C-alpha atoms as a PDB file:
ATOM      1  CA  UNK A   1       6.789  -9.485 -45.451  1.00  0.00           C
ATOM      2  CA  UNK A   2       6.904  -5.708 -45.015  1.00  0.00           C
ATOM      3  CA  UNK A   3       4.412  -3.923 -42.763  1.00  0.00           C
ATOM      4  CA  UNK A   4       6.129  -0.738 -43.583  1.00  0.00           C
ATOM      5  CA  UNK A   5       3.233   1.479 -43.497  1.00  0.00           C
ATOM      6  CA  UNK A   6       2.464   0.530 -40.386  1.00  0.00           C
ATOM      7  CA  UNK A   7       5.913  -0.292 -38.282  1.00  0.00           C
ATOM      8  CA  UNK A   8       5.978   1.854 -36.181  1.00  0.00           C
ATOM      9  CA  UNK A   9       3.172   2.894 -33.880  1.00  0.00           C
ATOM     10  CA  UNK A  10       4.277   6.404 -34.441  1.00  0.00           C
ATOM     11  CA  UNK A  11       3.804   6.715 -37.848  1.00  0.00           C
ATOM     12  CA  UNK A  12       0.619   5.274 -37.810  1.00  0.00           C
ATOM     13  CA  UNK A  13      -0.297   7.814 -35.054  1.00  0.00           C
ATOM     14  CA  UNK A  14       0.312  10.764 -37.594  1.00  0.00           C
ATOM     15  CA  UNK A  15      -1.552   8.675 -40.368  1.00  0.00           C
ATOM     16  CA  UNK A  16      -4.884   8.939 -37.706  1.00  0.00           C
ATOM     17  CA  UNK A  17      -4.365  13.108 -38.377  1.00  0.00           C
ATOM     18  CA  UNK A  18      -5.465  12.472 -41.818  1.00  0.00           C
ATOM     19  CA  UNK A  19      -9.068  12.012 -42.889  1.00  0.00           C
ATOM     20  CA  UNK A  20     -10.708   7.937 -41.731  1.00  0.00           C
ATOM     21  CA  UNK A  21     -12.469   6.054 -43.706  1.00  0.00           C
ATOM     22  CA  UNK A  22     -15.811   6.034 -43.489  1.00  0.00           C
ATOM     23  CA  UNK A  23     -18.017   3.077 -43.279  1.00  0.00           C
ATOM     24  CA  UNK A  24     -20.662   3.125 -45.796  1.00  0.00           C
ATOM     25  CA  UNK A  25     -21.326  -0.798 -46.799  1.00  0.00           C
ATOM     26  CA  UNK A  26     -24.066  -2.537 -47.474  1.00  0.00           C
ATOM     27  CA  UNK A  27     -24.433  -5.680 -45.073  1.00  0.00           C
ATOM     28  CA  UNK A  28     -25.653  -9.009 -46.903  1.00  0.00           C
ATOM     29  CA  UNK A  29     -27.791 -10.949 -44.736  1.00  0.00           C
ATOM     30  CA  UNK A  30     -27.640 -14.156 -47.075  1.00  0.00           C
ATOM     31  CA  UNK A  31     -24.249 -16.655 -46.258  1.00  0.00           C
ATOM     32  CA  UNK A  32     -21.615 -16.764 -49.420  1.00  0.00           C
ATOM     33  CA  UNK A  33     -20.367 -19.192 -50.221  1.00  0.00           C
ATOM     34  CA  UNK A  34     -16.947 -19.723 -49.341  1.00  0.00           C
ATOM     35  CA  UNK A  35     -15.767 -20.146 -53.225  1.00  0.00           C
ATOM     36  CA  UNK A  36     -17.107 -16.733 -53.639  1.00  0.00           C
ATOM     37  CA  UNK A  37     -16.612 -14.792 -50.733  1.00  0.00           C
ATOM     38  CA  UNK A  38     -14.890 -12.207 -50.897  1.00  0.00           C
ATOM     39  CA  UNK A  39     -16.483 -10.331 -53.254  1.00  0.00           C
ATOM     40  CA  UNK A  40     -16.322  -6.803 -51.566  1.00  0.00           C
ATOM     41  CA  UNK A  41     -14.330  -5.153 -48.780  1.00  0.00           C
ATOM     42  CA  UNK A  42     -14.218  -6.912 -45.111  1.00  0.00           C
ATOM     43  CA  UNK A  43     -14.748  -4.001 -42.445  1.00  0.00           C
ATOM     44  CA  UNK A  44     -13.012  -4.843 -38.955  1.00  0.00           C
ATOM     45  CA  UNK A  45     -14.509  -3.093 -35.578  1.00  0.00           C
ATOM     46  CA  UNK A  46     -12.548  -2.186 -32.837  1.00  0.00           C
ATOM     47  CA  UNK A  47     -14.268  -1.170 -29.970  1.00  0.00           C
ATOM     48  CA  UNK A  48     -12.403   1.460 -28.837  1.00  0.00           C
ATOM     49  CA  UNK A  49     -10.884   5.352 -30.228  1.00  0.00           C
ATOM     50  CA  UNK A  50      -8.490   4.918 -32.288  1.00  0.00           C
ATOM     51  CA  UNK A  51      -4.935   5.436 -31.547  1.00  0.00           C
ATOM     52  CA  UNK A  52      -4.803   2.430 -28.437  1.00  0.00           C
ATOM     53  CA  UNK A  53      -2.961  -0.054 -28.536  1.00  0.00           C
ATOM     54  CA  UNK A  54      -6.336  -2.349 -29.463  1.00  0.00           C
ATOM     55  CA  UNK A  55      -6.184   0.298 -32.705  1.00  0.00           C
ATOM     56  CA  UNK A  56      -2.896   0.568 -34.125  1.00  0.00           C
ATOM     57  CA  UNK A  57      -2.646  -3.695 -33.735  1.00  0.00           C
ATOM     58  CA  UNK A  58      -6.000  -3.552 -35.804  1.00  0.00           C
ATOM     59  CA  UNK A  59      -4.620  -1.558 -39.082  1.00  0.00           C
ATOM     60  CA  UNK A  60      -1.611  -3.500 -39.233  1.00  0.00           C
ATOM     61  CA  UNK A  61      -2.955  -6.775 -39.115  1.00  0.00           C
ATOM     62  CA  UNK A  62      -5.965  -5.090 -40.986  1.00  0.00           C
ATOM     63  CA  UNK A  63      -3.374  -4.036 -43.501  1.00  0.00           C
ATOM     64  CA  UNK A  64      -2.099  -7.994 -43.696  1.00  0.00           C
ATOM     65  CA  UNK A  65      -5.643  -9.931 -44.386  1.00  0.00           C
ATOM     66  CA  UNK A  66      -6.178  -7.027 -47.329  1.00  0.00           C
ATOM     67  CA  UNK A  67      -3.525  -8.115 -49.574  1.00  0.00           C
ATOM     68  CA  UNK A  68      -4.322 -11.919 -48.653  1.00  0.00           C
ATOM     69  CA  UNK A  69      -8.125 -11.692 -49.639  1.00  0.00           C
ATOM     70  CA  UNK A  70      -7.166  -8.894 -52.170  1.00  0.00           C
ATOM     71  CA  UNK A  71     -10.258  -6.943 -50.649  1.00  0.00           C
ATOM     72  CA  UNK A  72     -10.075  -3.699 -48.819  1.00  0.00           C
ATOM     73  CA  UNK A  73     -10.484  -4.387 -44.647  1.00  0.00           C
ATOM     74  CA  UNK A  74     -12.454  -0.995 -43.196  1.00  0.00           C
ATOM     75  CA  UNK A  75     -11.460  -0.243 -39.760  1.00  0.00           C
ATOM     76  CA  UNK A  76     -14.878   1.314 -38.238  1.00  0.00           C
ATOM     77  CA  UNK A  77     -14.022   2.338 -34.117  1.00  0.00           C
ATOM     78  CA  UNK A  78     -17.438   1.726 -31.844  1.00  0.00           C
ATOM     79  CA  UNK A  79     -16.547   2.464 -28.266  1.00  0.00           C
ATOM     80  CA  UNK A  80     -18.551   2.532 -25.225  1.00  0.00           C
ATOM     81  CA  UNK A  81     -19.075   0.511 -22.264  1.00  0.00           C
ATOM     82  CA  UNK A  82     -15.303  -0.401 -22.180  1.00  0.00           C
ATOM     83  CA  UNK A  83     -16.079  -2.759 -25.421  1.00  0.00           C
ATOM     84  CA  UNK A  84     -19.059  -4.019 -24.841  1.00  0.00           C
ATOM     85  CA  UNK A  85     -20.557  -1.543 -27.264  1.00  0.00           C
ATOM     86  CA  UNK A  86     -18.314  -2.930 -30.490  1.00  0.00           C
ATOM     87  CA  UNK A  87     -18.844  -6.736 -28.932  1.00  0.00           C
ATOM     88  CA  UNK A  88     -22.775  -5.583 -29.552  1.00  0.00           C
ATOM     89  CA  UNK A  89     -21.637  -4.817 -32.981  1.00  0.00           C
ATOM     90  CA  UNK A  90     -19.971  -7.668 -34.297  1.00  0.00           C
ATOM     91  CA  UNK A  91     -22.382 -10.454 -32.704  1.00  0.00           C
ATOM     92  CA  UNK A  92     -25.407  -8.189 -34.491  1.00  0.00           C
ATOM     93  CA  UNK A  93     -24.327  -8.132 -37.628  1.00  0.00           C
ATOM     94  CA  UNK A  94     -24.898 -10.879 -40.618  1.00  0.00           C
ATOM     95  CA  UNK A  95     -22.622 -13.764 -40.366  1.00  0.00           C
ATOM     96  CA  UNK A  96     -20.999 -13.647 -44.120  1.00  0.00           C
ATOM     97  CA  UNK A  97     -17.745 -13.164 -42.969  1.00  0.00           C
ATOM     98  CA  UNK A  98     -17.592 -10.094 -43.903  1.00  0.00           C
ATOM     99  CA  UNK A  99     -17.387  -8.311 -40.232  1.00  0.00           C
ATOM    100  CA  UNK A 100     -15.299  -9.092 -37.769  1.00  0.00           C
ATOM    101  CA  UNK A 101     -14.676  -7.981 -34.280  1.00  0.00           C
ATOM    102  CA  UNK A 102     -11.429  -7.203 -32.440  1.00  0.00           C
ATOM    103  CA  UNK A 103     -11.765  -8.353 -29.446  1.00  0.00           C
ATOM    104  CA  UNK A 104      -9.722  -8.367 -25.638  1.00  0.00           C
ATOM    105  CA  UNK A 105     -10.518 -10.916 -22.971  1.00  0.00           C
ATOM    106  CA  UNK A 106     -11.354  -7.774 -20.773  1.00  0.00           C
ATOM    107  CA  UNK A 107     -14.076  -7.611 -23.317  1.00  0.00           C
ATOM    108  CA  UNK A 108     -15.156 -11.386 -23.904  1.00  0.00           C
ATOM    109  CA  UNK A 109     -13.845 -12.990 -21.377  1.00  0.00           C
ATOM    110  CA  UNK A 110     -13.445 -10.675 -18.101  1.00  0.00           C
ATOM    111  CA  UNK A 111     -16.463  -8.351 -18.172  1.00  0.00           C
ATOM    112  CA  UNK A 112     -19.015 -11.647 -18.302  1.00  0.00           C
ATOM    113  CA  UNK A 113     -18.163 -11.767 -14.343  1.00  0.00           C
ATOM    114  CA  UNK A 114     -18.322  -8.239 -13.791  1.00  0.00           C
ATOM    115  CA  UNK A 115     -21.482  -6.963 -15.122  1.00  0.00           C
ATOM    116  CA  UNK A 116     -24.739  -7.076 -14.909  1.00  0.00           C
ATOM    117  CA  UNK A 117     -27.799  -8.153 -18.178  1.00  0.00           C
ATOM    118  CA  UNK A 118     -24.415  -8.634 -20.073  1.00  0.00           C
ATOM    119  CA  UNK A 119     -26.006  -8.172 -23.708  1.00  0.00           C
ATOM    120  CA  UNK A 120     -24.235 -11.022 -25.360  1.00  0.00           C
ATOM    121  CA  UNK A 121     -22.077 -15.104 -24.510  1.00  0.00           C
ATOM    122  CA  UNK A 122     -18.997 -15.015 -25.608  1.00  0.00           C
ATOM    123  CA  UNK A 123     -19.510 -19.157 -26.374  1.00  0.00           C
ATOM    124  CA  UNK A 124     -22.884 -19.048 -27.961  1.00  0.00           C
ATOM    125  CA  UNK A 125     -22.906 -15.232 -30.324  1.00  0.00           C
ATOM    126  CA  UNK A 126     -19.070 -15.724 -31.417  1.00  0.00           C
ATOM    127  CA  UNK A 127     -16.924 -17.857 -33.719  1.00  0.00           C
ATOM    128  CA  UNK A 128     -13.373 -17.467 -32.591  1.00  0.00           C
ATOM    129  CA  UNK A 129     -11.185 -17.252 -35.635  1.00  0.00           C
ATOM    130  CA  UNK A 130      -7.601 -16.274 -34.246  1.00  0.00           C
ATOM    131  CA  UNK A 131      -5.663 -14.937 -31.494  1.00  0.00           C
ATOM    132  CA  UNK A 132      -3.184 -11.694 -32.034  1.00  0.00           C
ATOM    133  CA  UNK A 133      -1.342 -11.430 -28.954  1.00  0.00           C
ATOM    134  CA  UNK A 134      -0.688 -11.273 -25.028  1.00  0.00           C
ATOM    135  CA  UNK A 135      -1.354  -8.081 -23.554  1.00  0.00           C
ATOM    136  CA  UNK A 136      -0.328  -8.089 -19.942  1.00  0.00           C
ATOM    137  CA  UNK A 137      -1.028  -4.806 -17.790  1.00  0.00           C
ATOM    138  CA  UNK A 138       1.404  -3.906 -15.112  1.00  0.00           C
ATOM    139  CA  UNK A 139       1.112  -1.944 -11.943  1.00  0.00           C
ATOM    140  CA  UNK A 140       2.666   1.203 -13.006  1.00  0.00           C
ATOM    141  CA  UNK A 141       3.047   4.271 -10.204  1.00  0.00           C
ATOM    142  CA  UNK A 142       4.206   7.878 -10.561  1.00  0.00           C
ATOM    143  CA  UNK A 143       8.044   8.398 -10.481  1.00  0.00           C
ATOM    144  CA  UNK A 144       7.678  10.742  -7.687  1.00  0.00           C
ATOM    145  CA  UNK A 145       5.072   8.841  -5.544  1.00  0.00           C
ATOM    146  CA  UNK A 146       8.602   7.442  -3.799  1.00  0.00           C
ATOM    147  CA  UNK A 147       8.506   3.398  -3.784  1.00  0.00           C
ATOM    148  CA  UNK A 148      10.683   2.573  -6.799  1.00  0.00           C
ATOM    149  CA  UNK A 149      10.544  -1.628  -6.064  1.00  0.00           C
ATOM    150  CA  UNK A 150       7.151  -4.090  -5.778  1.00  0.00           C
ATOM    151  CA  UNK A 151       8.031  -4.498  -2.208  1.00  0.00           C
ATOM    152  CA  UNK A 152       8.635  -0.360  -1.280  1.00  0.00           C
ATOM    153  CA  UNK A 153       5.194  -0.035  -3.000  1.00  0.00           C
ATOM    154  CA  UNK A 154       3.174  -2.962  -0.674  1.00  0.00           C
ATOM    155  CA  UNK A 155       5.619  -1.360   2.247  1.00  0.00           C
ATOM    156  CA  UNK A 156       3.711   1.978   1.585  1.00  0.00           C
ATOM    157  CA  UNK A 157       0.160   0.996   0.654  1.00  0.00           C
ATOM    158  CA  UNK A 158       0.367  -1.035   4.275  1.00  0.00           C
ATOM    159  CA  UNK A 159       1.358   2.342   5.939  1.00  0.00           C
ATOM    160  CA  UNK A 160      -0.920   4.387   4.237  1.00  0.00           C
ATOM    161  CA  UNK A 161      -4.251   1.548   4.117  1.00  0.00           C
ATOM    162  CA  UNK A 162      -7.270   3.270   3.833  1.00  0.00           C
ATOM    163  CA  UNK A 163      -5.687   6.533   1.847  1.00  0.00           C
ATOM    164  CA  UNK A 164      -4.966   5.107  -1.807  1.00  0.00           C
ATOM    165  CA  UNK A 165      -6.682   4.793  -5.157  1.00  0.00           C
ATOM    166  CA  UNK A 166      -6.435   2.858  -8.049  1.00  0.00           C
ATOM    167  CA  UNK A 167      -7.120   3.802 -11.334  1.00  0.00           C
ATOM    168  CA  UNK A 168      -8.122   1.193 -13.996  1.00  0.00           C
ATOM    169  CA  UNK A 169      -8.957   1.229 -18.006  1.00  0.00           C
ATOM    170  CA  UNK A 170     -12.393   0.763 -16.903  1.00  0.00           C
ATOM    171  CA  UNK A 171     -15.186  -0.678 -14.951  1.00  0.00           C
ATOM    172  CA  UNK A 172     -15.588  -5.137 -15.665  1.00  0.00           C
ATOM    173  CA  UNK A 173     -12.434  -4.942 -17.397  1.00  0.00           C
ATOM    174  CA  UNK A 174      -8.402  -6.985 -16.575  1.00  0.00           C
ATOM    175  CA  UNK A 175      -7.128  -3.138 -14.825  1.00  0.00           C
ATOM    176  CA  UNK A 176     -10.425  -3.211 -12.207  1.00  0.00           C
ATOM    177  CA  UNK A 177      -9.995  -6.984 -11.501  1.00  0.00           C
ATOM    178  CA  UNK A 178      -6.002  -6.487 -10.927  1.00  0.00           C
ATOM    179  CA  UNK A 179      -6.856  -4.122  -8.813  1.00  0.00           C
ATOM    180  CA  UNK A 180      -9.141  -5.803  -6.913  1.00  0.00           C
ATOM    181  CA  UNK A 181      -6.851  -8.601  -6.762  1.00  0.00           C
ATOM    182  CA  UNK A 182      -3.823  -6.875  -5.096  1.00  0.00           C
ATOM    183  CA  UNK A 183      -6.102  -4.601  -2.873  1.00  0.00           C
ATOM    184  CA  UNK A 184      -7.262  -7.934  -1.161  1.00  0.00           C
ATOM    185  CA  UNK A 185      -4.312  -9.527  -0.959  1.00  0.00           C
ATOM    186  CA  UNK A 186      -2.831  -7.091   1.415  1.00  0.00           C
ATOM    187  CA  UNK A 187      -6.228  -6.009   2.779  1.00  0.00           C
ATOM    188  CA  UNK A 188      -5.289  -2.020   1.382  1.00  0.00           C
ATOM    189  CA  UNK A 189      -8.886  -0.612   1.018  1.00  0.00           C
ATOM    190  CA  UNK A 190      -7.985   1.234  -2.201  1.00  0.00           C
ATOM    191  CA  UNK A 191     -10.779   3.194  -3.817  1.00  0.00           C
ATOM    192  CA  UNK A 192     -11.229   2.113  -7.555  1.00  0.00           C
ATOM    193  CA  UNK A 193     -11.292   5.244 -10.346  1.00  0.00           C
ATOM    194  CA  UNK A 194     -11.837   4.502 -13.178  1.00  0.00           C
ATOM    195  CA  UNK A 195     -11.577   5.694 -16.751  1.00  0.00           C
ATOM    196  CA  UNK A 196     -12.211   5.503 -20.371  1.00  0.00           C
ATOM    197  CA  UNK A 197      -9.590   4.277 -21.347  1.00  0.00           C
ATOM    198  CA  UNK A 198      -5.490   3.179 -20.346  1.00  0.00           C
ATOM    199  CA  UNK A 199      -4.370   6.251 -21.790  1.00  0.00           C
ATOM    200  CA  UNK A 200      -6.243   8.576 -19.164  1.00  0.00           C
ATOM    201  CA  UNK A 201      -5.473   5.819 -16.320  1.00  0.00           C
ATOM    202  CA  UNK A 202      -1.375   6.069 -16.840  1.00  0.00           C
ATOM    203  CA  UNK A 203      -1.843  10.015 -16.915  1.00  0.00           C
ATOM    204  CA  UNK A 204      -3.867   9.974 -14.183  1.00  0.00           C
ATOM    205  CA  UNK A 205      -1.561   8.176 -11.739  1.00  0.00           C
ATOM    206  CA  UNK A 206       1.559   9.639 -13.416  1.00  0.00           C
ATOM    207  CA  UNK A 207       0.536  13.131 -12.719  1.00  0.00           C
ATOM    208  CA  UNK A 208      -0.290  11.697  -8.767  1.00  0.00           C
ATOM    209  CA  UNK A 209      -4.169  12.067  -9.245  1.00  0.00           C
ATOM    210  CA  UNK A 210      -4.378   8.458  -8.093  1.00  0.00           C
ATOM    211  CA  UNK A 211      -1.667   6.670  -6.407  1.00  0.00           C
ATOM    212  CA  UNK A 212      -1.359   3.332  -9.117  1.00  0.00           C
ATOM    213  CA  UNK A 213      -2.466   1.839 -11.639  1.00  0.00           C
ATOM    214  CA  UNK A 214      -3.498  -1.121 -13.712  1.00  0.00           C
ATOM    215  CA  UNK A 215      -2.366  -0.666 -17.596  1.00  0.00           C
ATOM    216  CA  UNK A 216      -1.212  -2.132 -20.366  1.00  0.00           C
ATOM    217  CA  UNK A 217       2.226  -0.910 -20.992  1.00  0.00           C
ATOM    218  CA  UNK A 218       1.532   0.883 -24.738  1.00  0.00           C
ATOM    219  CA  UNK A 219      -0.803   3.345 -23.012  1.00  0.00           C
ATOM    220  CA  UNK A 220       1.365   4.429 -20.658  1.00  0.00           C
ATOM    221  CA  UNK A 221       4.290   4.380 -23.442  1.00  0.00           C
ATOM    222  CA  UNK A 222       5.270   8.225 -23.755  1.00  0.00           C
ATOM    223  CA  UNK A 223       5.223   8.607 -19.645  1.00  0.00           C
ATOM    224  CA  UNK A 224       7.488   5.848 -19.179  1.00  0.00           C
ATOM    225  CA  UNK A 225       9.636   6.645 -21.277  1.00  0.00           C
ATOM    226  CA  UNK A 226       9.825  10.229 -20.037  1.00  0.00           C
ATOM    227  CA  UNK A 227      10.973   8.759 -16.755  1.00  0.00           C
ATOM    228  CA  UNK A 228       6.947   9.665 -15.212  1.00  0.00           C
ATOM    229  CA  UNK A 229       5.795   6.212 -13.973  1.00  0.00           C
ATOM    230  CA  UNK A 230       8.018   3.067 -12.428  1.00  0.00           C
ATOM    231  CA  UNK A 231       6.317  -0.150 -13.866  1.00  0.00           C
ATOM    232  CA  UNK A 232       6.784  -2.436 -10.710  1.00  0.00           C
ATOM    233  CA  UNK A 233       5.274  -6.106 -11.774  1.00  0.00           C
ATOM    234  CA  UNK A 234       3.736  -7.219 -14.480  1.00  0.00           C
ATOM    235  CA  UNK A 235       1.279  -9.939 -14.996  1.00  0.00           C
ATOM    236  CA  UNK A 236       1.986 -13.218 -16.095  1.00  0.00           C
ATOM    237  CA  UNK A 237       4.880 -15.487 -15.534  1.00  0.00           C
ATOM    238  CA  UNK A 238       7.474 -14.308 -18.638  1.00  0.00           C
ATOM    239  CA  UNK A 239       9.162 -11.223 -17.846  1.00  0.00           C
ATOM    240  CA  UNK A 240       8.685  -8.643 -20.429  1.00  0.00           C
ATOM    241  CA  UNK A 241      11.260  -8.847 -23.377  1.00  0.00           C
ATOM    242  CA  UNK A 242      11.997  -4.890 -23.362  1.00  0.00           C
ATOM    243  CA  UNK A 243      11.365  -4.352 -19.549  1.00  0.00           C
ATOM    244  CA  UNK A 244      13.911  -7.188 -18.181  1.00  0.00           C
ATOM    245  CA  UNK A 245      14.470  -6.267 -14.633  1.00  0.00           C
ATOM    246  CA  UNK A 246      10.101  -5.845 -13.995  1.00  0.00           C
ATOM    247  CA  UNK A 247       9.791  -8.556 -12.091  1.00  0.00           C
ATOM    248  CA  UNK A 248       6.181 -10.672 -12.691  1.00  0.00           C
ATOM    249  CA  UNK A 249       3.327 -10.624 -10.411  1.00  0.00           C
ATOM    250  CA  UNK A 250       3.997 -15.003 -10.059  1.00  0.00           C
ATOM    251  CA  UNK A 251       7.322 -13.693  -9.316  1.00  0.00           C
ATOM    252  CA  UNK A 252       6.345 -10.747  -6.271  1.00  0.00           C
ATOM    253  CA  UNK A 253       3.570 -13.177  -5.365  1.00  0.00           C
ATOM    254  CA  UNK A 254       0.928 -11.328  -5.877  1.00  0.00           C
ATOM    255  CA  UNK A 255      -1.683 -14.327  -6.857  1.00  0.00           C
ATOM    256  CA  UNK A 256      -2.776 -12.880 -10.502  1.00  0.00           C
ATOM    257  CA  UNK A 257      -1.738 -15.346 -12.992  1.00  0.00           C
ATOM    258  CA  UNK A 258      -4.254 -14.260 -15.893  1.00  0.00           C
ATOM    259  CA  UNK A 259      -3.008 -12.843 -18.658  1.00  0.00           C
ATOM    260  CA  UNK A 260      -5.318 -10.674 -21.202  1.00  0.00           C
ATOM    261  CA  UNK A 261      -5.408 -10.817 -24.604  1.00  0.00           C
ATOM    262  CA  UNK A 262      -6.763  -9.847 -27.792  1.00  0.00           C
ATOM    263  CA  UNK A 263      -8.369 -11.796 -31.265  1.00  0.00           C
ATOM    264  CA  UNK A 264     -10.723 -11.880 -33.788  1.00  0.00           C
ATOM    265  CA  UNK A 265     -14.410 -13.050 -33.611  1.00  0.00           C
ATOM    266  CA  UNK A 266     -16.826 -13.188 -36.332  1.00  0.00           C
ATOM    267  CA  UNK A 267     -20.676 -13.571 -35.897  1.00  0.00           C
ATOM    268  CA  UNK A 268     -22.234 -16.691 -34.722  1.00  0.00           C
ATOM    269  CA  UNK A 269     -22.906 -19.021 -37.545  1.00  0.00           C
ATOM    270  CA  UNK A 270     -19.913 -17.406 -40.061  1.00  0.00           C
ATOM    271  CA  UNK A 271     -19.626 -20.604 -42.578  1.00  0.00           C
ATOM    272  CA  UNK A 272     -15.662 -22.372 -41.659  1.00  0.00           C
ATOM    273  CA  UNK A 273     -13.931 -22.273 -44.513  1.00  0.00           C
ATOM    274  CA  UNK A 274     -14.371 -18.459 -44.278  1.00  0.00           C
ATOM    275  CA  UNK A 275     -13.474 -18.440 -40.773  1.00  0.00           C
ATOM    276  CA  UNK A 276     -10.260 -20.790 -41.714  1.00  0.00           C
ATOM    277  CA  UNK A 277      -8.805 -18.759 -44.410  1.00  0.00           C
ATOM    278  CA  UNK A 278      -9.466 -15.221 -42.531  1.00  0.00           C
ATOM    279  CA  UNK A 279      -6.934 -17.255 -39.765  1.00  0.00           C
ATOM    280  CA  UNK A 280      -4.756 -18.655 -41.646  1.00  0.00           C
ATOM    281  CA  UNK A 281      -4.205 -14.537 -43.377  1.00  0.00           C
ATOM    282  CA  UNK A 282      -4.118 -13.466 -39.407  1.00  0.00           C
ATOM    283  CA  UNK A 283      -1.009 -16.036 -39.257  1.00  0.00           C
ATOM    284  CA  UNK A 284       0.981 -14.330 -41.636  1.00  0.00           C
ATOM    285  CA  UNK A 285       0.640 -11.786 -39.802  1.00  0.00           C
ATOM    286  CA  UNK A 286       1.556 -13.246 -35.942  1.00  0.00           C
ATOM    287  CA  UNK A 287       4.039 -15.436 -36.738  1.00  0.00           C
ATOM    288  CA  UNK A 288       6.065 -13.150 -39.011  1.00  0.00           C
ATOM    289  CA  UNK A 289       9.241 -12.076 -37.208  1.00  0.00           C
ATOM    290  CA  UNK A 290       8.543  -8.535 -38.297  1.00  0.00           C
ATOM    291  CA  UNK A 291       4.561  -8.772 -37.187  1.00  0.00           C
ATOM    292  CA  UNK A 292       6.397  -9.969 -33.877  1.00  0.00           C
ATOM    293  CA  UNK A 293       8.692  -7.368 -33.639  1.00  0.00           C
ATOM    294  CA  UNK A 294       5.852  -5.049 -34.580  1.00  0.00           C
ATOM    295  CA  UNK A 295       3.503  -5.921 -31.550  1.00  0.00           C
ATOM    296  CA  UNK A 296       6.203  -6.343 -29.080  1.00  0.00           C
ATOM    297  CA  UNK A 297       6.115  -2.635 -29.736  1.00  0.00           C
ATOM    298  CA  UNK A 298       2.639  -2.176 -28.921  1.00  0.00           C
ATOM    299  CA  UNK A 299       2.601  -4.045 -26.038  1.00  0.00           C
ATOM    300  CA  UNK A 300       2.055  -7.273 -26.988  1.00  0.00           C
ATOM    301  CA  UNK A 301       3.552 -10.973 -27.390  1.00  0.00           C
ATOM    302  CA  UNK A 302       2.395 -12.477 -30.547  1.00  0.00           C
ATOM    303  CA  UNK A 303       0.013 -15.395 -30.216  1.00  0.00           C
ATOM    304  CA  UNK A 304      -0.690 -17.137 -33.743  1.00  0.00           C
ATOM    305  CA  UNK A 305      -3.450 -19.705 -33.065  1.00  0.00           C
ATOM    306  CA  UNK A 306      -6.368 -21.453 -35.335  1.00  0.00           C
ATOM    307  CA  UNK A 307     -10.247 -21.264 -34.608  1.00  0.00           C
ATOM    308  CA  UNK A 308     -10.011 -24.478 -32.799  1.00  0.00           C
ATOM    309  CA  UNK A 309      -7.466 -23.556 -30.366  1.00  0.00           C
ATOM    310  CA  UNK A 310      -9.028 -19.913 -29.744  1.00  0.00           C
ATOM    311  CA  UNK A 311     -12.033 -21.985 -29.374  1.00  0.00           C
ATOM    312  CA  UNK A 312     -10.192 -23.460 -26.727  1.00  0.00           C
ATOM    313  CA  UNK A 313      -9.127 -20.401 -25.095  1.00  0.00           C
ATOM    314  CA  UNK A 314     -12.929 -19.080 -24.704  1.00  0.00           C
ATOM    315  CA  UNK A 315     -13.717 -22.521 -23.542  1.00  0.00           C
ATOM    316  CA  UNK A 316     -11.106 -23.184 -20.621  1.00  0.00           C
ATOM    317  CA  UNK A 317      -9.737 -19.453 -20.177  1.00  0.00           C
ATOM    318  CA  UNK A 318     -12.911 -17.505 -19.660  1.00  0.00           C
ATOM    319  CA  UNK A 319     -14.143 -19.447 -16.677  1.00  0.00           C
ATOM    320  CA  UNK A 320     -10.861 -18.570 -14.308  1.00  0.00           C
ATOM    321  CA  UNK A 321     -11.346 -15.292 -14.678  1.00  0.00           C
ATOM    322  CA  UNK A 322     -14.624 -15.505 -12.698  1.00  0.00           C
ATOM    323  CA  UNK A 323     -12.906 -17.544 -10.112  1.00  0.00           C
ATOM    324  CA  UNK A 324     -10.287 -14.494  -9.824  1.00  0.00           C
ATOM    325  CA  UNK A 325     -13.399 -12.119  -9.771  1.00  0.00           C
ATOM    326  CA  UNK A 326     -15.414 -13.724  -6.861  1.00  0.00           C
ATOM    327  CA  UNK A 327     -11.881 -14.364  -4.857  1.00  0.00           C
ATOM    328  CA  UNK A 328     -11.601 -10.306  -4.936  1.00  0.00           C
ATOM    329  CA  UNK A 329     -14.648  -9.818  -3.741  1.00  0.00           C
ATOM    330  CA  UNK A 330     -16.283  -7.561  -6.848  1.00  0.00           C
ATOM    331  CA  UNK A 331     -19.402  -7.877  -7.485  1.00  0.00           C
ATOM    332  CA  UNK A 332     -20.785  -7.401 -10.385  1.00  0.00           C
ATOM    333  CA  UNK A 333     -21.958  -3.994 -11.756  1.00  0.00           C
END
């Protein structure tokens, strides 16, 4: 299986310079019979701006699904409210198999515990299709800050209590929670500085505008390659394959065992036969060696799952984020 058109993130970013296809598709409100689906293009809502890891994954995955179902998969970027806008657009679409949302755990698992008046209920308003990959965030600092290891940074932070800050991709997301847990664990009294995405959060850290960041490796890829950022630790229990010397949060003793993920969800009520077909097409991407390699290059490890397996993740994997939020002392905003 070849994903040649999107085999490298840099190639994809080059394509973004061209004209993006606008969406002007009528949305049917009658549920189709599974044997007549699909009879027209499927739209895949991405809740962030073009160019980020989620968007890149969506376009590679969409190309594979398109070949499998014989219809175009049109990517629709719906940024806003750190992903909540795109999630609501997915929820409010007709459950006919023609609208899907590529939604990260930061939106459907984390945000409900950190935001007031959420406009959706994850278990009620969405039908899980399948996960794409695990996307752990990393603790990174400017290479000019001084500390070169996690332990050195903690000593530095304790010596400068009340003077430090941390950036994240936005209020109510995983980065916000991770930073708050770090702050709570060591009583650092750090200021949270949210940005509209991981890239500006990483850039602000590299520039010295904030002390550290909790962001995904893809957002920081160019800065890491240029030596402007140092990755000190990464979420989860497994070291990152391309950065084997970077310890995990578990290894350094940071009480953050939760790892973010991205996945495809459909509006609640989407016919099961269509959901199963879409999930099978997804696994052609996430289960293939080239798909796994592609995801690794954009900061994710492949996580092929069935709809039932993803339903278990939503049901059992989301509540621990709420426990972590309470441990961090975060009040919903």
